[in-house]
């Protein structure tokens, strides 16, 4: 699963609703605008950010890779 799909799963699952985007960004150590840019494909996350996304996805959504 790529980072975009992991972000979508996180936003539609444990980080959905009001304040979810800000909470997801805080959990990843970035600004909400950065997460939005990643989701829309405007920018790509760094290697370290992709690792944090994958780890958070595995923790919160039970997903691997």
Protein backbone atom coordinates (compact mmCIF):
# COMPACT_ATOMS: atom_id res chain seq x y z
CA UNK A 1 0.00 0.00 0.00
CA UNK A 2 1.44 3.37 -0.95
CA UNK A 3 1.56 6.42 1.29
CA UNK A 4 -1.44 8.07 -0.40
CA UNK A 5 -3.68 5.08 0.30
CA UNK A 6 -2.36 4.93 3.88
CA UNK A 7 -3.19 8.62 4.40
CA UNK A 8 -6.69 8.10 2.99
CA UNK A 9 -7.21 5.12 5.32
CA UNK A 10 -6.02 7.13 8.31
CA UNK A 11 -8.28 10.09 7.43
CA UNK A 12 -11.31 7.88 6.86
CA UNK A 13 -10.66 5.81 9.97
CA UNK A 14 -9.07 6.92 13.23
CA UNK A 15 -8.49 10.52 12.08
CA UNK A 16 -11.87 11.27 10.49
CA UNK A 17 -14.14 14.15 11.35
CA UNK A 18 -13.56 17.60 12.73
CA UNK A 19 -10.00 18.04 13.90
CA UNK A 20 -8.87 14.80 12.30
CA UNK A 21 -6.55 16.42 9.77
CA UNK A 22 -4.84 18.48 12.46
CA UNK A 23 -4.52 15.45 14.75
CA UNK A 24 -3.06 13.36 11.91
CA UNK A 25 -0.58 16.10 11.05
CA UNK A 26 0.44 16.40 14.71
CA UNK A 27 0.92 12.64 14.95
CA UNK A 28 3.21 12.80 11.91
CA UNK A 29 5.04 15.91 13.09
CA UNK A 30 4.03 18.09 10.14
CA UNK A 31 1.52 20.86 9.36
CA UNK A 32 -2.01 20.03 8.16
CA UNK A 33 -1.24 21.77 4.86
CA UNK A 34 1.62 19.33 4.29
CA UNK A 35 -0.66 16.30 4.75
CA UNK A 36 -3.16 17.84 2.33
CA UNK A 37 -0.42 18.40 -0.27
CA UNK A 38 0.67 14.77 0.10
CA UNK A 39 -2.89 13.48 -0.27
CA UNK A 40 -3.50 15.60 -3.37
CA UNK A 41 -0.20 14.60 -4.95
CA UNK A 42 1.13 18.17 -4.97
CA UNK A 43 4.21 17.12 -2.99
CA UNK A 44 5.73 13.81 -2.03
CA UNK A 45 6.69 12.97 1.56
CA UNK A 46 10.33 12.41 2.38
CA UNK A 47 11.62 8.94 3.17
CA UNK A 48 11.37 9.65 6.92
CA UNK A 49 7.82 10.93 6.55
CA UNK A 50 6.82 7.85 4.54
CA UNK A 51 8.22 5.69 7.33
CA UNK A 52 6.17 7.63 9.92
CA UNK A 53 3.03 7.31 7.77
CA UNK A 54 3.55 3.54 7.41
CA UNK A 55 4.18 3.09 11.14
CA UNK A 56 1.13 5.14 12.11
CA UNK A 57 -1.01 3.24 9.60
CA UNK A 58 0.19 -0.09 10.98
CA UNK A 59 -0.52 1.06 14.55
CA UNK A 60 -3.94 2.66 13.99
CA UNK A 61 -5.34 0.67 11.07
CA UNK A 62 -3.64 -2.67 11.63
CA UNK A 63 -2.20 -2.51 8.13
CA UNK A 64 1.24 -3.62 7.09
CA UNK A 65 3.58 -2.34 4.38
